[in-house]
Amino acid sequence: MLRVEALGFILVAIAAYLLGSIPTGYLVARARGVDIRAVGSGNIGATNVFRTLGRGPGIFVLVVDALKGFVACRIFGTLGAAWFAGQSGSVREFFPIVAGLSAVLGHNYTCWLGFKGGKGIATSAGVLLALFPKAFLAVLGVWALVFAVGRYVSLASVAAAVALPVAVGLLGYGVERLVVAVLLSVLAIYKHKSNIQRLLAGTEHRFGKPRASATPPSSASGT
């Protein structure tokens, strides 16, 4: 039975990874004749699409990237859990978790672009909404507050990442989901390491400046 369970986790992880790996920002930009990797920050996430192509494409990419995480948990995770309906709740509990983490890894390290992707904030938000709806609202509030004050997408994203495990812990989601929250937090902060360096140096891009549609990529903020 252990082998069957392992196979189930592997299949769910692969399916969720492939869903997460769809490079939405890259595809949307390509449809407009732009290689998003060669403009602005060079990131394929919604922030760079927003700055480079405008509000409409940016919002579309943001929503679709978030849906990748949400759908991975709700559909692939639920299917995996249903596969083992006769098993203990602790076993079934891990299928949405595996699906969510795999979707974020797919977005961050997409196999379609040489394992280079976005920074996982939007996809992580979809995972949070599926796994921790109350914590999602708290973390979203932190993001919105920090962004409203500083106008830095990266700073707001890092602050939200730090707040995530705190919110999950305080809201009593359990040890397993707290571990997931910590992993998502660490991954998000790691993907923003260059942004953190620029924030400390005072050279980070502030949201609202003119879009850099033809500037070389510099690994700036992204989702």
N, C-alpha and C. Protein backbone atom coordinates (compact mmCIF):
# COMPACT_ATOMS: atom_id res chain seq x y z
N MET A 1 0.82 -1.21 0.00
CA MET A 1 0.00 0.00 0.00
C MET A 1 0.85 1.26 0.00
N LEU A 2 2.01 1.15 0.64
CA LEU A 2 2.91 2.30 0.70
C LEU A 2 3.35 2.73 -0.70
N ARG A 3 3.60 1.73 -1.58
CA ARG A 3 4.01 2.05 -2.94
C ARG A 3 2.90 2.75 -3.69
N VAL A 4 1.66 2.33 -3.47
CA VAL A 4 0.52 2.96 -4.13
C VAL A 4 0.37 4.39 -3.65
N GLU A 5 0.52 4.63 -2.37
CA GLU A 5 0.45 5.98 -1.83
C GLU A 5 1.54 6.86 -2.43
N ALA A 6 2.76 6.32 -2.50
CA ALA A 6 3.87 7.08 -3.06
C ALA A 6 3.59 7.43 -4.52
N LEU A 7 3.04 6.49 -5.27
CA LEU A 7 2.69 6.74 -6.66
C LEU A 7 1.65 7.85 -6.75
N GLY A 8 0.67 7.82 -5.86
CA GLY A 8 -0.35 8.86 -5.85
C GLY A 8 0.24 10.24 -5.62
N PHE A 9 1.15 10.35 -4.64
CA PHE A 9 1.80 11.63 -4.36
C PHE A 9 2.62 12.09 -5.56
N ILE A 10 3.32 11.15 -6.20
CA ILE A 10 4.16 11.50 -7.35
C ILE A 10 3.31 12.02 -8.50
N LEU A 11 2.20 11.33 -8.78
CA LEU A 11 1.33 11.76 -9.88
C LEU A 11 0.72 13.13 -9.61
N VAL A 12 0.28 13.35 -8.37
CA VAL A 12 -0.30 14.65 -8.01
C VAL A 12 0.76 15.74 -8.12
N ALA A 13 1.98 15.45 -7.66
CA ALA A 13 3.06 16.43 -7.72
C ALA A 13 3.40 16.78 -9.16
N ILE A 14 3.46 15.78 -10.04
CA ILE A 14 3.79 16.03 -11.44
C ILE A 14 2.69 16.87 -12.11
N ALA A 15 1.44 16.48 -11.88
CA ALA A 15 0.33 17.21 -12.50
C ALA A 15 0.30 18.66 -12.03
N ALA A 16 0.49 18.88 -10.72
CA ALA A 16 0.47 20.24 -10.17
C ALA A 16 1.67 21.04 -10.66
N TYR A 17 2.83 20.39 -10.73
CA TYR A 17 4.02 21.08 -11.23
C TYR A 17 3.81 21.55 -12.67
N LEU A 18 3.26 20.67 -13.52
CA LEU A 18 3.04 21.04 -14.92
C LEU A 18 2.03 22.17 -15.05
N LEU A 19 1.00 22.15 -14.21
CA LEU A 19 0.05 23.25 -14.22
C LEU A 19 0.73 24.55 -13.80
N GLY A 20 1.49 24.48 -12.71
CA GLY A 20 2.19 25.67 -12.24
C GLY A 20 3.24 26.17 -13.20
N SER A 21 3.79 25.27 -14.00
CA SER A 21 4.89 25.64 -14.89
C SER A 21 4.44 26.38 -16.14
N ILE A 22 3.13 26.45 -16.38
CA ILE A 22 2.66 27.21 -17.54
C ILE A 22 3.11 28.66 -17.40
N PRO A 23 3.97 29.15 -18.29
CA PRO A 23 4.54 30.50 -18.14
C PRO A 23 3.58 31.57 -18.65
N THR A 24 2.58 31.88 -17.88
CA THR A 24 1.51 32.77 -18.31
C THR A 24 2.04 34.11 -18.82
N GLY A 25 2.90 34.74 -18.03
CA GLY A 25 3.42 36.04 -18.42
C GLY A 25 4.19 35.99 -19.73
N TYR A 26 4.98 34.96 -19.89
CA TYR A 26 5.76 34.79 -21.12
C TYR A 26 4.82 34.63 -22.32
N LEU A 27 3.78 33.79 -22.17
CA LEU A 27 2.87 33.53 -23.27
C LEU A 27 2.05 34.77 -23.64
N VAL A 28 1.59 35.51 -22.63
CA VAL A 28 0.81 36.72 -22.89
C VAL A 28 1.67 37.75 -23.62
N ALA A 29 2.90 37.92 -23.17
CA ALA A 29 3.80 38.87 -23.82
C ALA A 29 4.14 38.43 -25.24
N ARG A 30 4.38 37.12 -25.42
CA ARG A 30 4.71 36.59 -26.75
C ARG A 30 3.57 36.84 -27.73
N ALA A 31 2.33 36.73 -27.23
CA ALA A 31 1.17 36.98 -28.08
C ALA A 31 1.15 38.42 -28.59
N ARG A 32 1.85 39.30 -27.88
CA ARG A 32 1.94 40.70 -28.29
C ARG A 32 3.28 41.01 -28.94
N GLY A 33 4.04 39.97 -29.26
CA GLY A 33 5.30 40.15 -29.95
C GLY A 33 6.44 40.59 -29.06
N VAL A 34 6.32 40.35 -27.74
CA VAL A 34 7.35 40.78 -26.79
C VAL A 34 7.90 39.57 -26.05
N ASP A 35 9.21 39.51 -25.92
CA ASP A 35 9.83 38.51 -25.05
C ASP A 35 10.00 39.15 -23.68
N ILE A 36 9.13 38.79 -22.74
CA ILE A 36 9.11 39.45 -21.44
C ILE A 36 10.42 39.27 -20.70
N ARG A 37 11.20 38.26 -21.06
CA ARG A 37 12.48 38.02 -20.41
C ARG A 37 13.54 39.03 -20.82
N ALA A 38 13.27 39.77 -21.88
CA ALA A 38 14.26 40.71 -22.41
C ALA A 38 13.91 42.16 -22.15
N VAL A 39 12.82 42.41 -21.41
CA VAL A 39 12.42 43.78 -21.12
C VAL A 39 12.15 43.95 -19.64
N GLY A 40 12.17 45.20 -19.21
CA GLY A 40 11.91 45.48 -17.80
C GLY A 40 12.86 44.75 -16.89
N SER A 41 12.30 44.00 -15.94
CA SER A 41 13.12 43.25 -14.99
C SER A 41 13.58 41.91 -15.54
N GLY A 42 12.97 41.48 -16.66
CA GLY A 42 13.29 40.16 -17.21
C GLY A 42 12.52 39.04 -16.55
N ASN A 43 11.67 39.38 -15.57
CA ASN A 43 10.89 38.37 -14.87
C ASN A 43 9.60 38.10 -15.62
N ILE A 44 9.12 36.84 -15.57
CA ILE A 44 7.90 36.50 -16.30
C ILE A 44 6.64 36.71 -15.48
N GLY A 45 6.77 37.24 -14.27
CA GLY A 45 5.63 37.41 -13.39
C GLY A 45 4.75 38.60 -13.75
N ALA A 46 3.65 38.71 -13.03
CA ALA A 46 2.64 39.73 -13.32
C ALA A 46 3.17 41.15 -13.16
N THR A 47 4.06 41.38 -12.21
CA THR A 47 4.56 42.74 -11.98
C THR A 47 5.28 43.27 -13.21
N ASN A 48 6.15 42.46 -13.78
CA ASN A 48 6.88 42.90 -14.97
C ASN A 48 5.95 43.04 -16.17
N VAL A 49 4.96 42.15 -16.28
CA VAL A 49 3.98 42.26 -17.36
C VAL A 49 3.19 43.56 -17.20
N PHE A 50 2.80 43.87 -15.98
CA PHE A 50 2.05 45.10 -15.69
C PHE A 50 2.86 46.32 -16.10
N ARG A 51 4.13 46.35 -15.70
CA ARG A 51 4.98 47.50 -16.01
C ARG A 51 5.28 47.61 -17.49
N THR A 52 5.40 46.47 -18.15
CA THR A 52 5.83 46.46 -19.54
C THR A 52 4.68 46.57 -20.52
N LEU A 53 3.59 45.84 -20.27
CA LEU A 53 2.48 45.78 -21.22
C LEU A 53 1.23 46.52 -20.77
N GLY A 54 1.16 46.87 -19.48
CA GLY A 54 0.01 47.62 -19.03
C GLY A 54 -0.88 46.88 -18.05
N ARG A 55 -1.90 47.59 -17.60
CA ARG A 55 -2.78 47.09 -16.54
C ARG A 55 -3.53 45.81 -16.93
N GLY A 56 -4.16 45.80 -18.11
CA GLY A 56 -4.97 44.66 -18.52
C GLY A 56 -4.19 43.35 -18.55
N PRO A 57 -3.10 43.28 -19.32
CA PRO A 57 -2.30 42.05 -19.34
C PRO A 57 -1.74 41.69 -17.98
N GLY A 58 -1.34 42.71 -17.19
CA GLY A 58 -0.78 42.44 -15.87
C GLY A 58 -1.79 41.80 -14.94
N ILE A 59 -3.01 42.32 -14.93
CA ILE A 59 -4.05 41.75 -14.08
C ILE A 59 -4.41 40.34 -14.55
N PHE A 60 -4.47 40.15 -15.87
CA PHE A 60 -4.78 38.81 -16.40
C PHE A 60 -3.75 37.79 -15.95
N VAL A 61 -2.47 38.13 -16.06
CA VAL A 61 -1.41 37.22 -15.64
C VAL A 61 -1.47 36.96 -14.14
N LEU A 62 -1.74 38.01 -13.36
CA LEU A 62 -1.85 37.86 -11.92
C LEU A 62 -2.95 36.86 -11.55
N VAL A 63 -4.11 37.02 -12.16
CA VAL A 63 -5.25 36.14 -11.85
C VAL A 63 -4.97 34.70 -12.28
N VAL A 64 -4.44 34.53 -13.50
CA VAL A 64 -4.19 33.17 -13.98
C VAL A 64 -3.11 32.48 -13.15
N ASP A 65 -2.05 33.22 -12.81
CA ASP A 65 -0.99 32.63 -11.99
C ASP A 65 -1.52 32.22 -10.61
N ALA A 66 -2.40 33.03 -10.04
CA ALA A 66 -3.01 32.68 -8.76
C ALA A 66 -3.91 31.45 -8.90
N LEU A 67 -4.65 31.39 -10.00
CA LEU A 67 -5.52 30.24 -10.24
C LEU A 67 -4.73 28.94 -10.36
N LYS A 68 -3.52 29.02 -10.87
CA LYS A 68 -2.70 27.80 -10.98
C LYS A 68 -2.51 27.17 -9.61
N GLY A 69 -2.21 27.97 -8.60
CA GLY A 69 -2.03 27.44 -7.26
C GLY A 69 -3.33 26.96 -6.65
N PHE A 70 -4.39 27.74 -6.85
CA PHE A 70 -5.69 27.40 -6.27
C PHE A 70 -6.23 26.11 -6.88
N VAL A 71 -6.20 26.01 -8.21
CA VAL A 71 -6.72 24.83 -8.90
C VAL A 71 -5.90 23.59 -8.56
N ALA A 72 -4.58 23.76 -8.47
CA ALA A 72 -3.73 22.61 -8.13
C ALA A 72 -4.16 22.01 -6.80
N CYS A 73 -4.40 22.86 -5.80
CA CYS A 73 -4.81 22.36 -4.48
C CYS A 73 -6.22 21.77 -4.51
N ARG A 74 -7.14 22.50 -5.12
CA ARG A 74 -8.54 22.12 -5.05
C ARG A 74 -8.89 20.94 -5.96
N ILE A 75 -8.25 20.85 -7.10
CA ILE A 75 -8.58 19.76 -8.03
C ILE A 75 -7.62 18.59 -7.90
N PHE A 76 -6.34 18.82 -8.12
CA PHE A 76 -5.38 17.71 -8.03
C PHE A 76 -5.27 17.20 -6.61
N GLY A 77 -5.26 18.12 -5.65
CA GLY A 77 -5.20 17.70 -4.25
C GLY A 77 -6.43 16.92 -3.83
N THR A 78 -7.61 17.38 -4.27
CA THR A 78 -8.85 16.69 -3.93
C THR A 78 -8.94 15.33 -4.60
N LEU A 79 -8.49 15.25 -5.85
CA LEU A 79 -8.50 13.96 -6.55
C LEU A 79 -7.58 12.95 -5.86
N GLY A 80 -6.41 13.44 -5.43
CA GLY A 80 -5.49 12.56 -4.72
C GLY A 80 -6.08 12.08 -3.41
N ALA A 81 -6.72 13.00 -2.70
CA ALA A 81 -7.34 12.63 -1.42
C ALA A 81 -8.48 11.64 -1.64
N ALA A 82 -9.25 11.83 -2.71
CA ALA A 82 -10.35 10.91 -3.01
C ALA A 82 -9.84 9.53 -3.38
N TRP A 83 -8.67 9.49 -4.01
CA TRP A 83 -8.06 8.22 -4.38
C TRP A 83 -7.82 7.36 -3.14
N PHE A 84 -7.49 8.03 -2.02
CA PHE A 84 -7.22 7.30 -0.78
C PHE A 84 -8.30 7.60 0.25
N ALA A 85 -9.54 7.56 -0.19
CA ALA A 85 -10.66 7.90 0.71
C ALA A 85 -10.72 6.98 1.91
N GLY A 86 -10.20 5.76 1.79
CA GLY A 86 -10.26 4.82 2.90
C GLY A 86 -9.11 4.95 3.87
N GLN A 87 -8.16 5.84 3.55
CA GLN A 87 -6.99 6.00 4.41
C GLN A 87 -7.27 7.02 5.51
N SER A 88 -6.33 7.14 6.41
CA SER A 88 -6.49 8.08 7.52
C SER A 88 -6.50 9.50 7.00
N GLY A 89 -7.10 10.37 7.79
CA GLY A 89 -7.19 11.77 7.40
C GLY A 89 -5.83 12.41 7.21
N SER A 90 -4.83 11.97 7.97
CA SER A 90 -3.50 12.56 7.87
C SER A 90 -2.88 12.30 6.51
N VAL A 91 -3.16 11.12 5.93
CA VAL A 91 -2.63 10.82 4.60
C VAL A 91 -3.31 11.69 3.55
N ARG A 92 -4.62 11.78 3.60
CA ARG A 92 -5.36 12.58 2.62
C ARG A 92 -5.01 14.06 2.73
N GLU A 93 -4.70 14.50 3.93
CA GLU A 93 -4.37 15.90 4.18
C GLU A 93 -3.18 16.36 3.36
N PHE A 94 -2.27 15.44 3.05
CA PHE A 94 -1.03 15.84 2.39
C PHE A 94 -1.18 16.04 0.89
N PHE A 95 -2.25 15.54 0.28
CA PHE A 95 -2.38 15.69 -1.17
C PHE A 95 -2.54 17.15 -1.60
N PRO A 96 -3.44 17.94 -0.99
CA PRO A 96 -3.49 19.35 -1.36
C PRO A 96 -2.20 20.09 -1.06
N ILE A 97 -1.52 19.70 0.01
CA ILE A 97 -0.26 20.34 0.37
C ILE A 97 0.80 20.08 -0.69
N VAL A 98 0.93 18.82 -1.09
CA VAL A 98 1.90 18.45 -2.13
C VAL A 98 1.56 19.16 -3.43
N ALA A 99 0.29 19.22 -3.77
CA ALA A 99 -0.14 19.88 -5.00
C ALA A 99 0.20 21.37 -4.97
N GLY A 100 -0.06 22.02 -3.85
CA GLY A 100 0.22 23.45 -3.76
C GLY A 100 1.70 23.77 -3.86
N LEU A 101 2.51 23.04 -3.13
CA LEU A 101 3.95 23.27 -3.19
C LEU A 101 4.50 23.00 -4.59
N SER A 102 4.00 21.95 -5.23
CA SER A 102 4.47 21.60 -6.57
C SER A 102 4.10 22.67 -7.58
N ALA A 103 2.91 23.25 -7.44
CA ALA A 103 2.49 24.31 -8.36
C ALA A 103 3.38 25.53 -8.24
N VAL A 104 3.73 25.90 -7.01
CA VAL A 104 4.61 27.05 -6.80
C VAL A 104 6.00 26.78 -7.38
N LEU A 105 6.51 25.57 -7.16
CA LEU A 105 7.81 25.21 -7.73
C LEU A 105 7.75 25.23 -9.25
N GLY A 106 6.62 24.80 -9.82
CA GLY A 106 6.46 24.83 -11.27
C GLY A 106 6.52 26.25 -11.80
N HIS A 107 5.86 27.18 -11.10
CA HIS A 107 5.89 28.58 -11.52
C HIS A 107 7.29 29.16 -11.39
N ASN A 108 7.95 28.87 -10.29
CA ASN A 108 9.27 29.45 -10.03
C ASN A 108 10.36 28.85 -10.90
N TYR A 109 10.20 27.58 -11.24
CA TYR A 109 11.23 26.86 -12.01
C TYR A 109 10.56 26.09 -13.14
N THR A 110 10.00 26.83 -14.09
CA THR A 110 9.26 26.18 -15.16
C THR A 110 10.18 25.43 -16.12
N CYS A 111 9.79 24.22 -16.42
CA CYS A 111 10.60 23.38 -17.31
C CYS A 111 10.55 23.89 -18.75
N TRP A 112 9.60 24.75 -19.08
CA TRP A 112 9.46 25.25 -20.46
C TRP A 112 10.41 26.40 -20.76
N LEU A 113 11.02 26.99 -19.73
CA LEU A 113 11.92 28.13 -19.94
C LEU A 113 13.26 27.89 -19.25
N GLY A 114 13.76 26.67 -19.37
CA GLY A 114 15.06 26.37 -18.78
C GLY A 114 15.06 26.41 -17.27
N PHE A 115 13.93 26.10 -16.65
CA PHE A 115 13.77 26.08 -15.19
C PHE A 115 14.00 27.45 -14.57
N LYS A 116 13.68 28.49 -15.33
CA LYS A 116 13.69 29.86 -14.81
C LYS A 116 12.27 30.40 -14.93
N GLY A 117 11.75 30.92 -13.85
CA GLY A 117 10.37 31.38 -13.85
C GLY A 117 10.17 32.65 -13.06
N GLY A 118 8.99 32.74 -12.45
CA GLY A 118 8.66 33.91 -11.65
C GLY A 118 9.10 33.76 -10.21
N LYS A 119 8.53 34.58 -9.34
CA LYS A 119 8.92 34.56 -7.93
C LYS A 119 7.86 33.92 -7.04
N GLY A 120 6.77 33.50 -7.64
CA GLY A 120 5.83 32.65 -6.93
C GLY A 120 4.82 33.33 -6.04
N ILE A 121 4.77 34.65 -6.03
CA ILE A 121 3.87 35.33 -5.10
C ILE A 121 2.40 35.10 -5.48
N ALA A 122 2.06 35.29 -6.75
CA ALA A 122 0.67 35.11 -7.17
C ALA A 122 0.24 33.65 -7.02
N THR A 123 1.09 32.73 -7.45
CA THR A 123 0.74 31.31 -7.33
C THR A 123 0.65 30.89 -5.87
N SER A 124 1.53 31.41 -5.04
CA SER A 124 1.45 31.14 -3.60
C SER A 124 0.15 31.69 -3.01
N ALA A 125 -0.27 32.85 -3.51
CA ALA A 125 -1.53 33.42 -3.02
C ALA A 125 -2.70 32.50 -3.33
N GLY A 126 -2.69 31.88 -4.51
CA GLY A 126 -3.73 30.92 -4.84
C GLY A 126 -3.71 29.71 -3.93
N VAL A 127 -2.51 29.25 -3.60
CA VAL A 127 -2.36 28.14 -2.67
C VAL A 127 -2.88 28.53 -1.29
N LEU A 128 -2.54 29.72 -0.85
CA LEU A 128 -3.00 30.20 0.46
C LEU A 128 -4.53 30.26 0.51
N LEU A 129 -5.12 30.76 -0.55
CA LEU A 129 -6.58 30.87 -0.57
C LEU A 129 -7.23 29.50 -0.46
N ALA A 130 -6.59 28.50 -1.06
CA ALA A 130 -7.14 27.14 -1.02
C ALA A 130 -6.90 26.46 0.32
N LEU A 131 -5.71 26.65 0.89
CA LEU A 131 -5.34 25.92 2.10
C LEU A 131 -5.60 26.70 3.39
N PHE A 132 -5.40 28.02 3.35
CA PHE A 132 -5.53 28.85 4.57
C PHE A 132 -6.35 30.10 4.26
N PRO A 133 -7.64 29.98 4.01
CA PRO A 133 -8.42 31.16 3.60
C PRO A 133 -8.38 32.31 4.61
N LYS A 134 -8.44 32.01 5.91
CA LYS A 134 -8.38 33.09 6.90
C LYS A 134 -7.00 33.73 6.93
N ALA A 135 -5.97 32.92 6.88
CA ALA A 135 -4.60 33.44 6.86
C ALA A 135 -4.36 34.24 5.58
N PHE A 136 -4.97 33.81 4.48
CA PHE A 136 -4.83 34.53 3.21
C PHE A 136 -5.29 35.97 3.37
N LEU A 137 -6.43 36.17 4.03
CA LEU A 137 -6.95 37.52 4.21
C LEU A 137 -6.00 38.37 5.07
N ALA A 138 -5.43 37.75 6.10
CA ALA A 138 -4.50 38.48 6.96
C ALA A 138 -3.24 38.86 6.20
N VAL A 139 -2.71 37.91 5.44
CA VAL A 139 -1.48 38.16 4.68
C VAL A 139 -1.74 39.19 3.58
N LEU A 140 -2.90 39.11 2.93
CA LEU A 140 -3.25 40.09 1.91
C LEU A 140 -3.32 41.49 2.52
N GLY A 141 -3.84 41.58 3.74
CA GLY A 141 -3.89 42.86 4.42
C GLY A 141 -2.51 43.42 4.68
N VAL A 142 -1.58 42.57 5.09
CA VAL A 142 -0.20 43.00 5.31
C VAL A 142 0.41 43.49 4.01
N TRP A 143 0.21 42.72 2.94
CA TRP A 143 0.75 43.11 1.64
C TRP A 143 0.22 44.48 1.23
N ALA A 144 -1.10 44.66 1.33
CA ALA A 144 -1.72 45.91 0.90
C ALA A 144 -1.23 47.10 1.73
N LEU A 145 -1.08 46.90 3.04
CA LEU A 145 -0.64 47.99 3.90
C LEU A 145 0.80 48.41 3.58
N VAL A 146 1.68 47.43 3.47
CA VAL A 146 3.08 47.74 3.19
C VAL A 146 3.23 48.37 1.81
N PHE A 147 2.48 47.87 0.84
CA PHE A 147 2.56 48.44 -0.50
C PHE A 147 2.02 49.87 -0.53
N ALA A 148 0.91 50.10 0.19
CA ALA A 148 0.33 51.44 0.21
C ALA A 148 1.30 52.46 0.81
N VAL A 149 2.07 52.04 1.80
CA VAL A 149 3.01 52.95 2.46
C VAL A 149 4.27 53.17 1.63
N GLY A 150 4.86 52.07 1.14
CA GLY A 150 6.15 52.18 0.47
C GLY A 150 6.12 52.17 -1.03
N ARG A 151 5.04 51.62 -1.64
CA ARG A 151 4.92 51.49 -3.09
C ARG A 151 5.98 50.59 -3.70
N TYR A 152 6.49 49.65 -2.88
CA TYR A 152 7.44 48.66 -3.37
C TYR A 152 6.73 47.30 -3.39
N VAL A 153 6.58 46.71 -4.59
CA VAL A 153 5.96 45.39 -4.69
C VAL A 153 6.79 44.36 -3.95
N SER A 154 8.11 44.44 -4.12
CA SER A 154 8.99 43.44 -3.50
C SER A 154 8.94 43.51 -1.98
N LEU A 155 8.94 44.71 -1.42
CA LEU A 155 8.89 44.86 0.04
C LEU A 155 7.56 44.33 0.58
N ALA A 156 6.48 44.64 -0.12
CA ALA A 156 5.16 44.13 0.30
C ALA A 156 5.13 42.61 0.23
N SER A 157 5.74 42.04 -0.80
CA SER A 157 5.75 40.58 -0.96
C SER A 157 6.57 39.91 0.14
N VAL A 158 7.72 40.48 0.46
CA VAL A 158 8.56 39.93 1.52
C VAL A 158 7.86 40.05 2.87
N ALA A 159 7.22 41.19 3.13
CA ALA A 159 6.49 41.38 4.38
C ALA A 159 5.36 40.36 4.50
N ALA A 160 4.65 40.13 3.40
CA ALA A 160 3.57 39.13 3.41
C ALA A 160 4.12 37.74 3.66
N ALA A 161 5.29 37.45 3.07
CA ALA A 161 5.91 36.13 3.28
C ALA A 161 6.28 35.93 4.74
N VAL A 162 6.80 36.96 5.37
CA VAL A 162 7.16 36.88 6.79
C VAL A 162 5.91 36.70 7.65
N ALA A 163 4.83 37.38 7.26
CA ALA A 163 3.59 37.32 8.04
C ALA A 163 2.87 35.98 7.90
N LEU A 164 3.12 35.27 6.80
CA LEU A 164 2.37 34.05 6.52
C LEU A 164 2.45 33.00 7.63
N PRO A 165 3.64 32.52 8.01
CA PRO A 165 3.67 31.49 9.05
C PRO A 165 3.14 32.00 10.40
N VAL A 166 3.30 33.29 10.65
CA VAL A 166 2.76 33.86 11.90
C VAL A 166 1.24 33.75 11.89
N ALA A 167 0.63 34.14 10.78
CA ALA A 167 -0.83 34.09 10.68
C ALA A 167 -1.34 32.66 10.76
N VAL A 168 -0.67 31.74 10.06
CA VAL A 168 -1.09 30.33 10.07
C VAL A 168 -0.98 29.75 11.48
N GLY A 169 0.10 30.09 12.17
CA GLY A 169 0.28 29.60 13.53
C GLY A 169 -0.76 30.15 14.49
N LEU A 170 -1.01 31.45 14.41
CA LEU A 170 -1.97 32.08 15.33
C LEU A 170 -3.40 31.61 15.07
N LEU A 171 -3.71 31.27 13.83
CA LEU A 171 -5.06 30.85 13.49
C LEU A 171 -5.29 29.36 13.69
N GLY A 172 -4.27 28.66 14.14
CA GLY A 172 -4.43 27.27 14.53
C GLY A 172 -4.70 26.29 13.41
N TYR A 173 -3.96 26.40 12.32
CA TYR A 173 -4.16 25.49 11.19
C TYR A 173 -3.50 24.13 11.38
N GLY A 174 -2.70 23.98 12.39
CA GLY A 174 -2.05 22.69 12.62
C GLY A 174 -0.60 22.69 12.18
N VAL A 175 0.14 21.72 12.70
CA VAL A 175 1.58 21.66 12.46
C VAL A 175 1.91 21.43 10.99
N GLU A 176 1.18 20.52 10.33
CA GLU A 176 1.48 20.21 8.93
C GLU A 176 1.37 21.46 8.06
N ARG A 177 0.32 22.20 8.23
CA ARG A 177 0.12 23.38 7.39
C ARG A 177 1.03 24.53 7.83
N LEU A 178 1.43 24.54 9.07
CA LEU A 178 2.41 25.54 9.50
C LEU A 178 3.75 25.29 8.81
N VAL A 179 4.11 24.02 8.68
CA VAL A 179 5.35 23.67 7.97
C VAL A 179 5.26 24.13 6.51
N VAL A 180 4.11 23.93 5.88
CA VAL A 180 3.91 24.39 4.50
C VAL A 180 4.05 25.91 4.42
N ALA A 181 3.46 26.61 5.38
CA ALA A 181 3.54 28.06 5.39
C ALA A 181 4.98 28.53 5.51
N VAL A 182 5.75 27.86 6.35
CA VAL A 182 7.17 28.22 6.51
C VAL A 182 7.92 27.98 5.20
N LEU A 183 7.66 26.84 4.55
CA LEU A 183 8.33 26.54 3.28
C LEU A 183 7.99 27.58 2.21
N LEU A 184 6.72 27.94 2.09
CA LEU A 184 6.33 28.96 1.12
C LEU A 184 6.96 30.30 1.44
N SER A 185 7.03 30.62 2.73
CA SER A 185 7.64 31.88 3.15
C SER A 185 9.12 31.92 2.80
N VAL A 186 9.83 30.86 3.14
CA VAL A 186 11.27 30.81 2.86
C VAL A 186 11.53 30.89 1.36
N LEU A 187 10.74 30.17 0.57
CA LEU A 187 10.92 30.17 -0.88
C LEU A 187 10.69 31.56 -1.46
N ALA A 188 9.64 32.24 -0.99
CA ALA A 188 9.34 33.58 -1.49
C ALA A 188 10.45 34.55 -1.13
N ILE A 189 10.94 34.49 0.09
CA ILE A 189 12.01 35.39 0.51
C ILE A 189 13.28 35.10 -0.27
N TYR A 190 13.58 33.82 -0.48
CA TYR A 190 14.78 33.45 -1.25
C TYR A 190 14.70 34.00 -2.67
N LYS A 191 13.53 33.90 -3.30
CA LYS A 191 13.38 34.40 -4.67
C LYS A 191 13.48 35.92 -4.75
N HIS A 192 13.34 36.59 -3.61
CA HIS A 192 13.44 38.05 -3.58
C HIS A 192 14.78 38.53 -3.01
N LYS A 193 15.77 37.68 -2.95
CA LYS A 193 17.03 38.07 -2.32
C LYS A 193 17.69 39.26 -3.01
N SER A 194 17.62 39.31 -4.35
CA SER A 194 18.22 40.45 -5.06
C SER A 194 17.42 41.73 -4.79
N ASN A 195 16.10 41.59 -4.65
CA ASN A 195 15.27 42.76 -4.32
C ASN A 195 15.59 43.28 -2.93
N ILE A 196 15.82 42.36 -2.01
CA ILE A 196 16.16 42.76 -0.64
C ILE A 196 17.47 43.54 -0.63
N GLN A 197 18.43 43.08 -1.43
CA GLN A 197 19.70 43.78 -1.52
C GLN A 197 19.51 45.19 -2.05
N ARG A 198 18.66 45.35 -3.07
CA ARG A 198 18.42 46.68 -3.62
C ARG A 198 17.61 47.55 -2.67
N LEU A 199 16.70 46.95 -1.93
CA LEU A 199 15.96 47.73 -0.92
C LEU A 199 16.91 48.29 0.12
N LEU A 200 17.86 47.47 0.56
CA LEU A 200 18.83 47.93 1.55
C LEU A 200 19.75 49.00 0.97
N ALA A 201 20.01 48.90 -0.35
CA ALA A 201 20.89 49.87 -0.99
C ALA A 201 20.15 51.11 -1.46
N GLY A 202 18.81 51.07 -1.38
CA GLY A 202 18.01 52.20 -1.82
C GLY A 202 17.87 52.33 -3.32
N THR A 203 18.06 51.24 -4.05
CA THR A 203 18.00 51.27 -5.51
C THR A 203 16.85 50.45 -6.08
N GLU A 204 15.98 49.94 -5.24
CA GLU A 204 14.87 49.12 -5.72
C GLU A 204 13.86 49.97 -6.49
N HIS A 205 13.24 49.37 -7.50
CA HIS A 205 12.25 50.06 -8.32
C HIS A 205 10.97 50.29 -7.52
N ARG A 206 10.50 51.52 -7.52
CA ARG A 206 9.25 51.86 -6.83
C ARG A 206 8.10 51.82 -7.83
N PHE A 207 7.01 51.15 -7.44
CA PHE A 207 5.87 51.01 -8.33
C PHE A 207 5.30 52.38 -8.67
N GLY A 208 4.95 52.57 -9.96
CA GLY A 208 4.39 53.84 -10.39
C GLY A 208 5.31 54.61 -11.29
N LYS A 209 6.59 54.21 -11.35
CA LYS A 209 7.51 54.85 -12.28
C LYS A 209 7.15 54.41 -13.70
N PRO A 210 7.59 55.15 -14.70
CA PRO A 210 7.27 54.76 -16.09
C PRO A 210 7.74 53.36 -16.39
N ARG A 211 6.96 52.63 -17.19
CA ARG A 211 7.31 51.27 -17.55
C ARG A 211 8.58 51.27 -18.38
N ALA A 212 9.47 50.32 -18.03
CA ALA A 212 10.72 50.20 -18.77
C ALA A 212 10.55 49.15 -19.85
N SER A 213 9.94 49.53 -20.97
CA SER A 213 9.59 48.55 -21.99
C SER A 213 10.77 48.12 -22.84
N ALA A 214 11.87 48.83 -22.77
CA ALA A 214 13.00 48.47 -23.62
C ALA A 214 14.30 48.43 -22.86
N THR A 215 14.24 48.38 -21.55
CA THR A 215 15.46 48.35 -20.77
C THR A 215 15.91 46.92 -20.53
N PRO A 216 17.22 46.70 -20.37
CA PRO A 216 17.71 45.35 -20.13
C PRO A 216 17.19 44.82 -18.82
N PRO A 217 16.97 43.50 -18.73
CA PRO A 217 16.48 42.91 -17.48
C PRO A 217 17.46 43.06 -16.37
N SER A 218 16.91 43.25 -15.12
CA SER A 218 17.79 43.46 -13.96
C SER A 218 17.34 42.67 -12.75
N SER A 219 16.50 41.63 -12.96
CA SER A 219 16.01 40.77 -11.88
C SER A 219 15.22 41.52 -10.83
N ALA A 220 14.44 42.50 -11.25
CA ALA A 220 13.65 43.30 -10.31
C ALA A 220 12.43 42.54 -9.87
N SER A 221 11.47 43.26 -9.25
CA SER A 221 10.32 42.61 -8.64
C SER A 221 9.54 41.78 -9.64
N GLY A 222 8.92 40.74 -9.16
CA GLY A 222 8.09 39.90 -9.99
C GLY A 222 7.20 39.04 -9.14
N THR A 223 6.22 38.41 -9.76
CA THR A 223 5.32 37.54 -9.02
C THR A 223 5.36 36.14 -9.60
